[in-house]
Amino acid sequence: MRRTGSKDVVKMTRPSLLRSSLVAVLATLLMLPPAWAQSRDALPDIGYSAGTVVSASEEQKIGRMIMRQLRSSGDLVTDPELAEYLQALGSQLSLHAHEGNLSFTFFGIDNPELNAFALPGGFIGVHTGLLLATQNESELAAVLGHEVAHVSQRHLARSAEAAGQNGILVTAAMVAAILVGAATGVDGNALGAAVAVAQGSAAQSRINFTRANEYEADRVGIRFLADAGFDPLAMPSFFETMSRESGAAGSQVPEFFRTHPVTSNRIAESRERALQLGPKRVPSSMQYFIMRERARVLSFESGVAAVRRFEALIDGHPDEASTPTQYGYALALMRAGSADLARPIADRLLAGDEQRVAFHILAAQANLASGNGARGIGLFEQAHRLFPRNTPLTMAYSNALMEVGDAEKAHEIMLDLVNNIPYDEDQIRLLALAAATEGDDANAHYYRSEFHVLRGELFMAVDQLRLALASPRIHDYQIARAEARLEQIRKYLPKSRRPRPTAASGGRQR
């Protein structure tokens, strides 16, 4: 092997991650009947005993399992730049939720519907259609703040307790499929035989929040919004605008309003509360406008269609267009395979703002795709020095390095990234690809086993560890690491299907 031992050491073998990932596979979900017991004027009940039905840690396990189902559905937004922006914006709001050890995860759903939703355990999704419908960052933050409030007030668990539900252990796959179908708009019947156990529309009602919950989420969410520095008036204004536009056009009611019924009383009350908090003019960040254009470009069926849309806006004068429009146009050209036309626009954007990671990535990719590989890699190297361990940048740089034949460097920077961030499936998948492209089979199989652990596919993780142990060029410390991981995983498998003991307990598998 060309690599020294220090590069091979990976810190991914965290018992806490293994335990949370594996237990989530076995976790079952809570079916939530509707409850209308509370008055809309009731204040949040801090002493509510929802923990007697389902604990906060159990909610997190439930949420992680649903997230795996969402990933499998193919509707999750996997674009690293969009994902990072939504997480950063959501984190500004959730910092004010004061939920102890609860970590919030914000993600996008590739769907034109105007919708957002909260899952158990702090997982909050927003459809790209809703992002595109917002006019400023405070409006988008208002929706996320409302969903953060649903989580912080534990509305799912509270609804279950209000209904007196005792039997919370229901088949996990069935309820996950119901929730995924409701979140993504996928027909429940297409999600597998487990959904057939549910009873039609009753399943949908189990994930809808009560009217009292909605009023409470408005009140608490507006406070989060104001505390995070956004305009609290954005919440009633956005709801009112969307409600008015959908009604005036006679169009179908947006999904968000079907799951979060917006009444004139709700809008009026939230406006009154916003005024009490002190409305303020808050300029949207440039990142908001850039990421909104990125979402717009990616929402088109083809790059050609996206280019047509932007060409109509710029009217032959791209250099006179706004910065976000120029970015969207260059990105659309890249999607359409016209990197030579995108490159000068991307270079101009980068020259005008060298502190924006999105411009570094776009310029580097445009130069690479237009045949100027040396400059493209040079731009990535410079950006990586400026923004070390930035997730979207490192992933784009790694892909570029593999494209030009430097898989070893790609492996190195991805390994450094996952050893220093809360990584997910996408980073582990790319790390495994870099190792495999380099020809490092032992590490590639080990990383793939971690990917399967994150997905709850424990038997597949075992298979990858066995392949790692069978690699011809494997070091002793790699053998010890793989065998230790096998021993951890086997504790979570049925006794009848556990792998045989390895060398660590008297019988090495090679």
Protein backbone atom coordinates (compact mmCIF):
# COMPACT_ATOMS: atom_id res chain seq x y z
CA MET A 1 0.00 0.00 0.00
CA ARG A 2 1.16 3.55 -0.71
CA ARG A 3 -0.44 5.00 2.39
CA THR A 4 1.14 5.37 5.77
CA GLY A 5 -0.65 4.15 8.83
CA SER A 6 -1.61 7.62 9.98
CA LYS A 7 -3.75 8.25 6.92
CA ASP A 8 -5.65 5.04 7.41
CA VAL A 9 -6.75 5.77 10.95
CA VAL A 10 -10.40 6.69 10.87
CA LYS A 11 -12.32 7.91 13.89
CA MET A 12 -15.67 6.81 12.56
CA THR A 13 -15.94 3.88 14.94
CA ARG A 14 -17.90 5.84 17.51
CA PRO A 15 -19.94 3.61 19.83
CA SER A 16 -22.58 6.32 20.20
CA LEU A 17 -23.11 6.49 16.44
CA LEU A 18 -23.27 2.74 16.15
CA ARG A 19 -25.71 2.45 19.00
CA SER A 20 -28.01 5.19 17.76
CA SER A 21 -27.91 3.91 14.18
CA LEU A 22 -28.54 0.30 15.08
CA VAL A 23 -31.22 0.86 17.69
CA ALA A 24 -33.06 3.08 15.21
CA VAL A 25 -33.41 0.08 12.93
CA LEU A 26 -35.30 -1.72 15.65
CA ALA A 27 -37.26 1.34 16.80
CA THR A 28 -40.99 1.38 16.25
CA LEU A 29 -43.09 4.39 15.46
CA LEU A 30 -45.94 6.14 17.11
CA MET A 31 -49.32 6.32 15.37
CA LEU A 32 -50.90 9.60 16.36
CA PRO A 33 -54.70 10.02 16.43
CA PRO A 34 -55.98 13.58 16.17
CA ALA A 35 -56.73 15.41 19.40
CA TRP A 36 -58.56 18.70 19.81
CA ALA A 37 -58.51 18.98 23.57
CA GLN A 38 -56.71 22.29 24.06
CA SER A 39 -57.99 25.81 23.62
CA ARG A 40 -56.10 27.87 21.10
CA ASP A 41 -55.53 30.46 23.80
CA ALA A 42 -53.72 28.05 26.12
CA LEU A 43 -50.10 28.88 26.83
CA PRO A 44 -47.42 26.22 26.26
CA ASP A 45 -47.54 23.72 29.11
CA ILE A 46 -43.93 23.38 30.18
CA GLY A 47 -44.83 20.69 32.68
CA TYR A 48 -46.54 18.44 30.16
CA SER A 49 -45.79 14.78 30.78
CA ALA A 50 -45.33 13.67 27.20
CA GLY A 51 -42.25 11.79 28.25
CA THR A 52 -44.50 9.22 29.90
CA VAL A 53 -45.62 8.09 26.43
CA VAL A 54 -42.45 8.40 24.40
CA SER A 55 -39.15 9.84 25.53
CA ALA A 56 -37.15 12.44 23.66
CA SER A 57 -34.48 9.84 22.84
CA GLU A 58 -37.14 7.52 21.43
CA GLU A 59 -38.45 10.35 19.27
CA GLN A 60 -34.95 10.82 17.86
CA LYS A 61 -34.73 7.12 17.01
CA ILE A 62 -38.09 7.34 15.28
CA GLY A 63 -36.97 10.40 13.33
CA ARG A 64 -33.75 8.75 12.20
CA MET A 65 -35.64 5.77 10.89
CA ILE A 66 -38.05 7.97 8.93
CA MET A 67 -35.09 9.85 7.47
CA ARG A 68 -33.69 6.58 6.15
CA GLN A 69 -37.03 5.92 4.49
CA LEU A 70 -37.01 9.40 2.97
CA ARG A 71 -33.55 8.81 1.56
CA SER A 72 -34.68 5.53 0.06
CA SER A 73 -37.63 7.28 -1.60
CA GLY A 74 -35.23 9.41 -3.65
CA ASP A 75 -37.03 12.65 -2.77
CA LEU A 76 -34.45 14.01 -0.36
CA VAL A 77 -32.40 16.95 -1.65
CA THR A 78 -28.83 15.65 -1.75
CA ASP A 79 -27.20 18.76 -3.23
CA PRO A 80 -24.49 19.59 -0.64
CA GLU A 81 -24.73 23.36 -1.07
CA LEU A 82 -28.49 23.54 -0.64
CA ALA A 83 -28.36 21.08 2.25
CA GLU A 84 -25.73 23.13 4.06
CA TYR A 85 -27.68 26.36 3.61
CA LEU A 86 -30.91 24.93 5.00
CA GLN A 87 -29.05 23.47 7.98
CA ALA A 88 -27.28 26.76 8.67
CA LEU A 89 -30.49 28.80 8.47
CA GLY A 90 -32.42 26.34 10.59
CA SER A 91 -29.67 26.27 13.19
CA GLN A 92 -29.99 30.03 13.66
CA LEU A 93 -33.56 29.42 14.78
CA SER A 94 -33.16 26.19 16.73
CA LEU A 95 -30.43 27.75 18.88
CA HIS A 96 -33.24 29.63 20.60
CA ALA A 97 -35.35 26.52 21.25
CA HIS A 98 -33.29 25.59 24.36
CA GLU A 99 -33.95 21.90 23.89
CA GLY A 100 -30.96 20.60 25.79
CA ASN A 101 -29.19 17.83 23.92
CA LEU A 102 -31.72 17.68 21.09
CA SER A 103 -30.00 18.37 17.78
CA PHE A 104 -32.09 19.67 14.89
CA THR A 105 -31.59 18.45 11.35
CA PHE A 106 -32.95 20.52 8.47
CA PHE A 107 -33.25 19.08 4.98
CA GLY A 108 -34.89 19.71 1.64
CA ILE A 109 -37.43 17.65 -0.28
CA ASP A 110 -37.30 17.80 -4.06
CA ASN A 111 -40.96 18.62 -4.60
CA PRO A 112 -42.71 21.65 -6.18
CA GLU A 113 -45.47 21.60 -3.54
CA LEU A 114 -45.52 24.42 -1.00
CA ASN A 115 -44.94 22.40 2.12
CA ALA A 116 -42.79 21.94 5.20
CA PHE A 117 -43.07 19.45 8.04
CA ALA A 118 -41.59 18.35 11.33
CA LEU A 119 -40.73 14.77 12.20
CA PRO A 120 -40.09 13.33 15.66
CA GLY A 121 -36.67 14.00 17.11
CA GLY A 122 -35.88 17.37 15.55
CA PHE A 123 -35.92 16.50 11.84
CA ILE A 124 -37.46 19.31 9.78
CA GLY A 125 -38.06 19.20 6.05
CA VAL A 126 -38.91 21.93 3.56
CA HIS A 127 -40.01 21.41 -0.03
CA THR A 128 -38.06 23.22 -2.73
CA GLY A 129 -41.40 24.59 -3.95
CA LEU A 130 -41.83 26.48 -0.69
CA LEU A 131 -38.28 27.85 -0.83
CA LEU A 132 -38.97 29.21 -4.31
CA ALA A 133 -42.26 30.75 -3.18
CA THR A 134 -40.61 32.88 -0.48
CA GLN A 135 -39.67 36.46 -1.33
CA ASN A 136 -37.09 36.99 1.40
CA GLU A 137 -35.10 35.07 3.98
CA SER A 138 -37.33 36.05 6.88
CA GLU A 139 -40.27 34.30 5.19
CA LEU A 140 -38.31 31.09 4.81
CA ALA A 141 -37.06 31.40 8.39
CA ALA A 142 -40.65 31.92 9.54
CA VAL A 143 -41.71 28.55 8.16
CA LEU A 144 -38.69 26.81 9.70
CA GLY A 145 -39.32 28.56 13.01
CA HIS A 146 -42.91 27.34 13.01
CA GLU A 147 -41.71 23.75 12.50
CA VAL A 148 -39.01 24.13 15.17
CA ALA A 149 -41.79 25.12 17.56
CA HIS A 150 -43.73 21.94 16.74
CA VAL A 151 -40.65 19.97 17.79
CA SER A 152 -39.74 22.04 20.84
CA GLN A 153 -43.30 21.78 22.18
CA ARG A 154 -43.30 18.02 21.46
CA HIS A 155 -46.64 18.18 19.71
CA LEU A 156 -46.46 14.65 18.34
CA ALA A 157 -45.95 13.04 21.72
CA ARG A 158 -48.38 15.41 23.44
CA SER A 159 -51.14 14.57 20.97
CA ALA A 160 -50.63 10.89 21.65
CA GLU A 161 -50.88 11.37 25.40
CA ALA A 162 -53.94 13.62 25.09
CA ALA A 163 -55.66 10.80 23.25
CA GLY A 164 -54.78 8.34 26.01
CA GLN A 165 -52.82 6.10 23.68
CA ASN A 166 -50.92 3.40 25.50
CA GLY A 167 -49.88 0.97 22.82
CA ILE A 168 -47.11 2.85 21.02
CA LEU A 169 -45.21 -0.14 19.68
CA VAL A 170 -46.50 -0.49 16.14
CA THR A 171 -44.74 -2.02 13.16
CA ALA A 172 -41.94 0.43 12.29
CA ALA A 173 -41.96 -0.03 8.54
CA MET A 174 -45.69 0.56 8.27
CA VAL A 175 -45.75 3.85 10.11
CA ALA A 176 -42.54 5.08 8.50
CA ALA A 177 -44.11 4.47 5.11
CA ILE A 178 -47.22 6.41 6.13
CA LEU A 179 -45.19 9.38 7.30
CA VAL A 180 -42.94 9.32 4.25
CA GLY A 181 -45.96 9.21 1.97
CA ALA A 182 -47.52 12.15 3.74
CA ALA A 183 -44.28 14.13 3.61
CA THR A 184 -43.38 13.50 -0.01
CA GLY A 185 -46.76 13.12 -1.65
CA VAL A 186 -45.97 9.57 -2.72
CA ASP A 187 -48.93 7.22 -2.97
CA GLY A 188 -48.91 5.11 0.16
CA ASN A 189 -49.60 1.93 -1.82
CA ALA A 190 -46.33 2.42 -3.68
CA LEU A 191 -44.34 2.38 -0.48
CA GLY A 192 -44.70 -1.32 0.15
CA ALA A 193 -46.94 -3.92 1.64
CA ALA A 194 -46.51 -2.43 5.11
CA VAL A 195 -48.69 0.52 4.18
CA ALA A 196 -51.60 -1.75 3.36
CA VAL A 197 -52.07 -2.34 7.05
CA ALA A 198 -53.00 1.32 7.49
CA GLN A 199 -56.52 2.48 6.87
CA GLY A 200 -56.57 5.08 4.13
CA SER A 201 -57.19 8.64 5.13
CA ALA A 202 -57.00 7.81 8.82
CA ALA A 203 -53.25 7.38 8.37
CA GLN A 204 -52.95 10.93 7.02
CA SER A 205 -54.84 12.36 9.97
CA ARG A 206 -52.36 10.80 12.36
CA ILE A 207 -49.57 13.15 11.32
CA ASN A 208 -51.55 16.35 11.16
CA PHE A 209 -51.17 18.69 14.10
CA THR A 210 -54.18 19.95 16.02
CA ARG A 211 -55.51 23.47 15.73
CA ALA A 212 -54.25 24.22 19.23
CA ASN A 213 -50.83 22.95 18.18
CA GLU A 214 -50.83 25.31 15.21
CA TYR A 215 -51.61 28.37 17.33
CA GLU A 216 -48.95 27.37 19.79
CA ALA A 217 -46.38 26.79 17.03
CA ASP A 218 -47.19 30.27 15.67
CA ARG A 219 -46.66 31.93 19.04
CA VAL A 220 -43.48 30.06 19.90
CA GLY A 221 -42.14 30.15 16.34
CA ILE A 222 -42.54 33.93 16.07
CA ARG A 223 -40.49 34.30 19.22
CA PHE A 224 -37.75 32.10 17.74
CA LEU A 225 -37.90 34.19 14.58
CA ALA A 226 -37.46 37.48 16.41
CA ASP A 227 -34.76 36.13 18.75
CA ALA A 228 -32.76 34.92 15.73
CA GLY A 229 -32.79 38.42 14.25
CA PHE A 230 -35.45 37.98 11.55
CA ASP A 231 -38.60 40.02 10.97
CA PRO A 232 -41.44 38.45 13.03
CA LEU A 233 -43.99 39.98 10.64
CA ALA A 234 -42.70 37.62 7.95
CA MET A 235 -44.76 34.76 9.39
CA PRO A 236 -48.25 36.27 9.11
CA SER A 237 -47.29 38.08 5.89
CA PHE A 238 -46.14 34.92 4.13
CA PHE A 239 -49.15 32.88 5.25
CA GLU A 240 -51.51 35.67 4.22
CA THR A 241 -49.88 36.12 0.80
CA MET A 242 -49.91 32.42 0.01
CA SER A 243 -53.49 32.04 1.19
CA ARG A 244 -54.64 35.03 -0.87
CA GLU A 245 -52.81 33.97 -4.03
CA SER A 246 -54.05 30.39 -3.92
CA GLY A 247 -57.62 31.58 -3.34
CA ALA A 248 -57.53 34.27 -6.03
CA ALA A 249 -56.19 31.86 -8.62
CA GLY A 250 -58.75 29.23 -7.73
CA SER A 251 -55.89 26.78 -7.58
CA GLN A 252 -55.47 23.76 -5.40
CA VAL A 253 -54.79 24.63 -1.78
CA PRO A 254 -51.04 24.27 -1.08
CA GLU A 255 -50.11 21.16 0.87
CA PHE A 256 -48.76 23.30 3.71
CA PHE A 257 -52.23 24.75 4.29
CA ARG A 258 -53.85 21.33 4.24
CA THR A 259 -51.55 20.05 6.99
CA HIS A 260 -51.27 23.44 8.73
CA PRO A 261 -54.73 25.03 8.33
CA VAL A 262 -54.37 28.82 8.15
CA THR A 263 -57.42 30.80 9.21
CA SER A 264 -57.97 34.55 9.24
CA ASN A 265 -57.97 34.40 13.05
CA ARG A 266 -54.58 32.69 13.07
CA ILE A 267 -53.12 35.25 10.69
CA ALA A 268 -54.55 38.14 12.72
CA GLU A 269 -53.27 36.75 16.02
CA SER A 270 -49.80 36.06 14.67
CA ARG A 271 -49.67 39.57 13.19
CA GLU A 272 -50.61 41.05 16.55
CA ARG A 273 -47.90 39.08 18.30
CA ALA A 274 -45.35 40.07 15.67
CA LEU A 275 -46.16 43.73 16.18
CA GLN A 276 -45.70 43.32 19.93
CA LEU A 277 -42.25 41.82 19.34
CA GLY A 278 -41.27 44.76 17.19
CA PRO A 279 -41.19 44.26 13.42
CA LYS A 280 -37.97 45.27 11.70
CA ARG A 281 -36.62 45.49 8.19
CA VAL A 282 -34.07 42.70 7.91
CA PRO A 283 -32.20 42.41 4.61
CA SER A 284 -31.95 38.89 3.23
CA SER A 285 -28.48 37.42 2.99
CA MET A 286 -26.89 37.08 -0.44
CA GLN A 287 -26.62 33.36 0.32
CA TYR A 288 -30.41 33.13 0.49
CA PHE A 289 -30.82 34.60 -2.99
CA ILE A 290 -28.03 32.47 -4.43
CA MET A 291 -29.37 29.25 -2.95
CA ARG A 292 -32.89 30.11 -4.09
CA GLU A 293 -31.59 30.41 -7.66
CA ARG A 294 -29.69 27.17 -7.23
CA ALA A 295 -32.89 25.45 -6.15
CA ARG A 296 -34.67 26.99 -9.12
CA VAL A 297 -32.11 25.68 -11.61
CA LEU A 298 -32.18 22.19 -10.10
CA SER A 299 -35.98 22.17 -10.18
CA PHE A 300 -36.07 22.19 -14.00
CA GLU A 301 -36.35 18.91 -15.85
CA SER A 302 -33.34 19.81 -17.98
CA GLY A 303 -30.54 22.32 -18.14
CA VAL A 304 -31.80 23.58 -21.49
CA ALA A 305 -35.16 24.52 -19.95
CA ALA A 306 -33.38 26.33 -17.13
CA VAL A 307 -31.21 28.25 -19.60
CA ARG A 308 -34.30 29.43 -21.49
CA ARG A 309 -35.80 30.79 -18.29
CA PHE A 310 -32.68 32.80 -17.43
CA GLU A 311 -32.10 34.01 -20.98
CA ALA A 312 -35.57 35.56 -20.86
CA LEU A 313 -34.54 37.43 -17.71
CA ILE A 314 -31.14 38.72 -18.80
CA ASP A 315 -32.25 39.66 -22.34
CA GLY A 316 -28.77 39.22 -23.78
CA HIS A 317 -26.98 41.22 -21.05
CA PRO A 318 -25.81 38.79 -18.36
CA ASP A 319 -23.23 41.24 -16.99
CA GLU A 320 -26.05 43.70 -16.17
CA ALA A 321 -28.16 41.14 -14.31
CA SER A 322 -28.21 40.81 -10.52
CA THR A 323 -25.58 38.64 -8.89
CA PRO A 324 -28.05 35.83 -8.01
CA THR A 325 -29.42 35.85 -11.58
CA GLN A 326 -25.91 35.63 -13.03
CA TYR A 327 -25.18 32.72 -10.71
CA GLY A 328 -28.36 30.94 -11.72
CA TYR A 329 -27.65 31.52 -15.41
CA ALA A 330 -24.10 30.17 -15.15
CA LEU A 331 -25.33 27.15 -13.22
CA ALA A 332 -28.04 26.52 -15.82
CA LEU A 333 -25.43 26.70 -18.59
CA MET A 334 -23.35 24.13 -16.70
CA ARG A 335 -26.37 21.83 -16.47
CA ALA A 336 -26.98 22.27 -20.19
CA GLY A 337 -23.39 21.28 -21.04
CA SER A 338 -22.27 24.79 -22.03
CA ALA A 339 -19.40 25.18 -19.59
CA ASP A 340 -17.49 27.38 -22.04
CA LEU A 341 -20.28 29.97 -21.79
CA ALA A 342 -20.61 29.57 -18.03
CA ARG A 343 -16.89 30.02 -17.32
CA PRO A 344 -16.54 33.78 -17.90
CA ILE A 345 -19.66 34.46 -15.83
CA ALA A 346 -18.38 32.26 -13.00
CA ASP A 347 -14.92 33.86 -13.13
CA ARG A 348 -16.51 37.31 -12.94
CA LEU A 349 -18.63 36.33 -9.95
CA LEU A 350 -15.60 34.96 -8.11
CA ALA A 351 -13.52 38.05 -8.84
CA GLY A 352 -16.29 40.18 -7.36
CA ASP A 353 -16.69 38.14 -4.15
CA GLU A 354 -13.89 35.80 -3.13
CA GLN A 355 -15.48 35.11 0.25
CA ARG A 356 -18.40 33.16 -1.18
CA VAL A 357 -17.81 29.41 -1.31
CA ALA A 358 -20.50 28.90 -3.97
CA PHE A 359 -18.59 31.13 -6.40
CA HIS A 360 -15.34 29.23 -5.82
CA ILE A 361 -17.06 25.92 -6.54
CA LEU A 362 -18.85 27.21 -9.64
CA ALA A 363 -15.73 28.83 -11.12
CA ALA A 364 -13.57 25.76 -10.47
CA GLN A 365 -16.15 23.40 -11.97
CA ALA A 366 -16.72 25.65 -14.99
CA ASN A 367 -13.00 25.79 -15.72
CA LEU A 368 -12.65 22.03 -15.38
CA ALA A 369 -15.65 21.30 -17.58
CA SER A 370 -14.51 23.77 -20.27
CA GLY A 371 -11.12 22.07 -20.62
CA ASN A 372 -8.99 24.22 -18.33
CA GLY A 373 -8.29 21.48 -15.81
CA ALA A 374 -5.15 22.99 -14.30
CA ARG A 375 -6.91 26.25 -13.46
CA GLY A 376 -9.95 24.39 -12.15
CA ILE A 377 -7.90 22.29 -9.74
CA GLY A 378 -5.90 25.37 -8.79
CA LEU A 379 -9.09 27.22 -7.88
CA PHE A 380 -10.21 24.26 -5.76
CA GLU A 381 -6.84 24.14 -3.98
CA GLN A 382 -7.02 27.84 -3.21
CA ALA A 383 -10.59 27.58 -1.95
CA HIS A 384 -9.74 24.56 0.20
CA ARG A 385 -7.02 26.57 1.91
CA LEU A 386 -9.43 29.45 2.49
CA PHE A 387 -12.33 27.29 3.69
CA PRO A 388 -10.87 24.08 5.17
CA ARG A 389 -13.39 21.33 5.90
CA ASN A 390 -16.25 23.15 4.25
CA THR A 391 -18.45 20.20 3.35
CA PRO A 392 -19.80 21.19 -0.11
CA LEU A 393 -16.41 22.50 -1.18
CA THR A 394 -14.50 19.44 0.00
CA MET A 395 -16.95 17.09 -1.71
CA ALA A 396 -16.77 19.03 -4.99
CA TYR A 397 -12.97 19.15 -4.77
CA SER A 398 -12.80 15.42 -4.10
CA ASN A 399 -14.94 14.66 -7.15
CA ALA A 400 -12.74 16.94 -9.26
CA LEU A 401 -9.56 15.24 -8.03
CA MET A 402 -10.92 11.83 -9.01
CA GLU A 403 -11.87 13.24 -12.39
CA VAL A 404 -8.26 14.31 -13.07
CA GLY A 405 -6.81 11.06 -11.72
CA ASP A 406 -5.70 12.04 -8.21
CA ALA A 407 -7.86 9.68 -6.17
CA GLU A 408 -5.28 9.46 -3.39
CA LYS A 409 -5.62 13.18 -2.66
CA ALA A 410 -9.40 12.86 -2.91
CA HIS A 411 -9.28 10.06 -0.32
CA GLU A 412 -7.08 12.15 1.95
CA ILE A 413 -9.28 15.26 2.05
CA MET A 414 -12.52 13.27 2.41
CA LEU A 415 -11.07 11.24 5.29
CA ASP A 416 -10.03 14.46 7.02
CA LEU A 417 -13.55 15.81 6.53
CA VAL A 418 -15.47 12.85 7.97
CA ASN A 419 -13.09 12.65 10.91
CA ASN A 420 -13.98 16.23 11.84
CA ILE A 421 -17.67 16.78 11.03
CA PRO A 422 -20.99 15.06 11.84
CA TYR A 423 -20.97 13.17 8.56
CA ASP A 424 -23.87 11.54 6.74
CA GLU A 425 -24.39 8.92 4.05
CA ASP A 426 -23.32 11.19 1.20
CA GLN A 427 -19.90 11.94 2.70
CA ILE A 428 -19.25 8.29 3.56
CA ARG A 429 -20.31 7.18 0.08
CA LEU A 430 -17.88 9.64 -1.52
CA LEU A 431 -15.09 8.61 0.85
CA ALA A 432 -15.61 4.96 -0.11
CA LEU A 433 -15.62 5.89 -3.80
CA ALA A 434 -12.34 7.79 -3.44
CA ALA A 435 -10.70 4.83 -1.69
CA ALA A 436 -12.01 2.38 -4.29
CA THR A 437 -10.85 4.59 -7.16
CA GLU A 438 -7.41 4.71 -5.57
CA GLY A 439 -7.37 0.92 -5.40
CA ASP A 440 -7.46 0.77 -1.60
CA ASP A 441 -9.94 -2.09 -1.30
CA ALA A 442 -9.56 -2.69 2.44
CA ASN A 443 -10.51 0.85 3.35
CA ALA A 444 -13.15 1.11 0.63
CA HIS A 445 -15.00 -1.90 2.05
CA TYR A 446 -14.64 -0.59 5.59
CA TYR A 447 -16.13 2.78 4.62
CA ARG A 448 -18.96 1.04 2.78
CA SER A 449 -19.74 -0.87 5.95
CA GLU A 450 -20.14 2.48 7.74
CA PHE A 451 -22.45 3.64 4.97
CA HIS A 452 -24.66 0.59 5.53
CA VAL A 453 -24.62 1.11 9.30
CA LEU A 454 -25.99 4.63 8.78
CA ARG A 455 -28.74 3.17 6.61
CA GLY A 456 -29.54 0.48 9.16
CA GLU A 457 -28.46 -2.28 6.76
CA LEU A 458 -26.50 -4.30 9.26
CA PHE A 459 -26.13 -7.53 7.33
CA MET A 460 -24.77 -5.60 4.36
CA ALA A 461 -22.37 -3.85 6.73
CA VAL A 462 -21.18 -7.26 7.91
CA ASP A 463 -20.65 -8.37 4.31
CA GLN A 464 -18.49 -5.32 3.60
CA LEU A 465 -16.39 -5.92 6.70
CA ARG A 466 -15.81 -9.50 5.62
CA LEU A 467 -14.71 -8.26 2.19
CA ALA A 468 -12.35 -5.82 3.91
CA LEU A 469 -10.82 -8.68 5.90
CA ALA A 470 -10.42 -10.69 2.71
CA SER A 471 -8.51 -7.89 0.94
CA PRO A 472 -5.02 -9.07 -0.05
CA ARG A 473 -3.28 -5.84 0.98
CA ILE A 474 -4.62 -5.27 4.47
CA HIS A 475 -2.53 -4.19 7.45
CA ASP A 476 -2.73 -5.75 10.87
CA TYR A 477 -4.27 -2.66 12.45
CA GLN A 478 -6.95 -2.65 9.71
CA ILE A 479 -7.73 -6.26 10.54
CA ALA A 480 -8.08 -5.37 14.21
CA ARG A 481 -10.32 -2.42 13.37
CA ALA A 482 -12.63 -4.46 11.11
CA GLU A 483 -12.86 -7.32 13.60
CA ALA A 484 -13.69 -4.91 16.43
CA ARG A 485 -16.42 -3.38 14.29
CA LEU A 486 -17.86 -6.80 13.51
CA GLU A 487 -17.97 -7.56 17.19
CA GLN A 488 -19.89 -4.33 17.84
CA ILE A 489 -22.41 -4.97 15.10
CA ARG A 490 -23.06 -8.61 15.95
CA LYS A 491 -24.51 -7.58 19.32
CA TYR A 492 -27.42 -5.96 17.48
CA LEU A 493 -28.18 -8.92 15.22
CA PRO A 494 -30.44 -11.90 15.96
CA LYS A 495 -28.41 -14.61 17.65
CA SER A 496 -29.21 -17.09 14.92
CA ARG A 497 -27.76 -14.80 12.25
CA ARG A 498 -24.71 -13.39 13.96
CA PRO A 499 -21.40 -13.75 12.09
CA ARG A 500 -18.97 -16.32 13.35
CA PRO A 501 -16.34 -15.15 15.84
CA THR A 502 -13.33 -13.51 14.23
CA ALA A 503 -9.66 -13.63 15.18
CA ALA A 504 -10.41 -11.31 18.09
CA SER A 505 -12.15 -14.28 19.72
CA GLY A 506 -10.25 -17.16 18.25
CA GLY A 507 -11.03 -17.59 14.57
CA ARG A 508 -9.88 -14.95 12.08
CA GLN A 509 -11.94 -14.58 8.93
CA ARG A 510 -9.79 -13.79 5.92
